[in-house]
Amino acid sequence: MLLVALILVFILLFMIIFTIKNKTIKQVPMETVKVNFSNKNGQYVATGNTGEFIIKKDNRFEFLVKDGVIIACKDNSRHQEFIYYKEV
């Protein structure tokens, strides 16, 4: 009888752990980003969505931002493709 109770407890714990692991964090809906900003250093334009957007500086430099981190840059006067940063 004790063995059956122990098995039922393990099954219950397994079901609870499985249920908790399968719950996902609610994803924040992607909102559109469209920001213009100017100062003495130049003009900045950010476009995209909250997960991934591009910041352009004076229509020359572009910075690719993903999840709040700048992951690549591009000098439009020299390159057509983004140059990705390597992880440290």
Protein backbone atom coordinates (compact mmCIF):
# COMPACT_ATOMS: atom_id res chain seq x y z
CA MET A 1 0.00 0.00 0.00
CA LEU A 2 2.87 2.36 0.81
CA LEU A 3 4.48 1.55 -2.55
CA VAL A 4 1.29 2.47 -4.43
CA ALA A 5 1.05 5.78 -2.55
CA LEU A 6 4.70 6.53 -3.31
CA ILE A 7 4.18 5.81 -7.02
CA LEU A 8 1.11 8.08 -7.09
CA VAL A 9 3.10 10.90 -5.44
CA PHE A 10 5.87 10.56 -8.04
CA ILE A 11 3.32 10.58 -10.88
CA LEU A 12 1.68 13.69 -9.41
CA LEU A 13 5.05 15.45 -9.05
CA PHE A 14 5.94 14.52 -12.63
CA MET A 15 2.63 15.94 -13.91
CA ILE A 16 3.14 19.19 -11.97
CA ILE A 17 6.70 19.63 -13.26
CA PHE A 18 5.61 18.83 -16.82
CA THR A 19 2.78 21.37 -16.62
CA ILE A 20 5.07 24.11 -15.28
CA LYS A 21 7.69 23.50 -18.00
CA ASN A 22 5.12 23.64 -20.79
CA LYS A 23 3.80 27.03 -19.72
CA THR A 24 5.48 29.62 -21.89
CA ILE A 25 6.15 33.22 -21.05
CA LYS A 26 3.60 35.42 -22.73
CA GLN A 27 5.23 37.06 -25.70
CA VAL A 28 4.96 40.81 -26.00
CA PRO A 29 3.36 41.63 -29.34
CA MET A 30 5.76 43.20 -31.79
CA GLU A 31 5.00 46.89 -32.03
CA THR A 32 6.17 49.10 -34.86
CA VAL A 33 9.11 51.40 -34.19
CA LYS A 34 9.31 54.69 -36.11
CA VAL A 35 11.40 57.38 -34.37
CA ASN A 36 13.14 60.49 -35.74
CA PHE A 37 15.68 62.39 -33.65
CA SER A 38 18.11 65.19 -34.42
CA ASN A 39 20.91 66.77 -32.41
CA LYS A 40 24.23 68.50 -33.08
CA ASN A 41 25.83 65.15 -34.02
CA GLY A 42 23.36 64.36 -36.78
CA GLN A 43 19.95 62.99 -37.63
CA TYR A 44 18.82 59.55 -36.45
CA VAL A 45 15.92 57.44 -37.72
CA ALA A 46 14.86 54.14 -36.16
CA THR A 47 12.47 51.86 -38.06
CA GLY A 48 11.32 48.27 -37.59
CA ASN A 49 9.60 46.54 -34.69
CA THR A 50 10.38 46.16 -31.01
CA GLY A 51 12.21 42.85 -31.58
CA GLU A 52 14.42 44.02 -34.43
CA PHE A 53 14.96 47.49 -35.87
CA ILE A 54 17.50 49.57 -37.76
CA ILE A 55 18.92 52.89 -36.59
CA LYS A 56 20.16 55.10 -39.45
CA LYS A 57 22.52 58.02 -38.84
CA ASP A 58 22.59 60.72 -41.49
CA ASN A 59 21.63 58.14 -44.18
CA ARG A 60 25.22 56.87 -44.03
CA PHE A 61 25.55 54.51 -41.09
CA GLU A 62 23.04 51.83 -40.16
CA PHE A 63 22.95 49.78 -36.97
CA LEU A 64 20.93 46.58 -36.69
CA VAL A 65 19.42 46.15 -33.22
CA LYS A 66 17.96 42.81 -32.13
CA ASP A 67 16.46 42.27 -28.69
CA GLY A 68 17.96 45.56 -27.48
CA VAL A 69 21.54 44.79 -28.58
CA ILE A 70 23.38 46.24 -31.59
CA ILE A 71 24.43 43.14 -33.53
CA ALA A 72 25.63 44.61 -36.84
CA CYS A 73 26.55 47.82 -38.60
CA LYS A 74 26.85 49.06 -42.17
CA ASP A 75 28.59 52.05 -43.75
CA ASN A 76 26.41 52.77 -46.78
CA SER A 77 29.28 54.56 -48.54
CA ARG A 78 31.35 51.35 -48.51
CA HIS A 79 29.16 48.27 -48.00
CA GLN A 80 25.84 46.91 -49.19
CA GLU A 81 25.67 44.25 -46.46
CA PHE A 82 25.66 44.45 -42.67
CA ILE A 83 28.87 43.49 -40.89
CA TYR A 84 27.93 41.41 -37.84
CA TYR A 85 29.79 41.72 -34.55
CA LYS A 86 31.29 38.58 -33.08
CA GLU A 87 30.37 37.51 -29.57
CA VAL A 88 33.03 38.07 -26.95
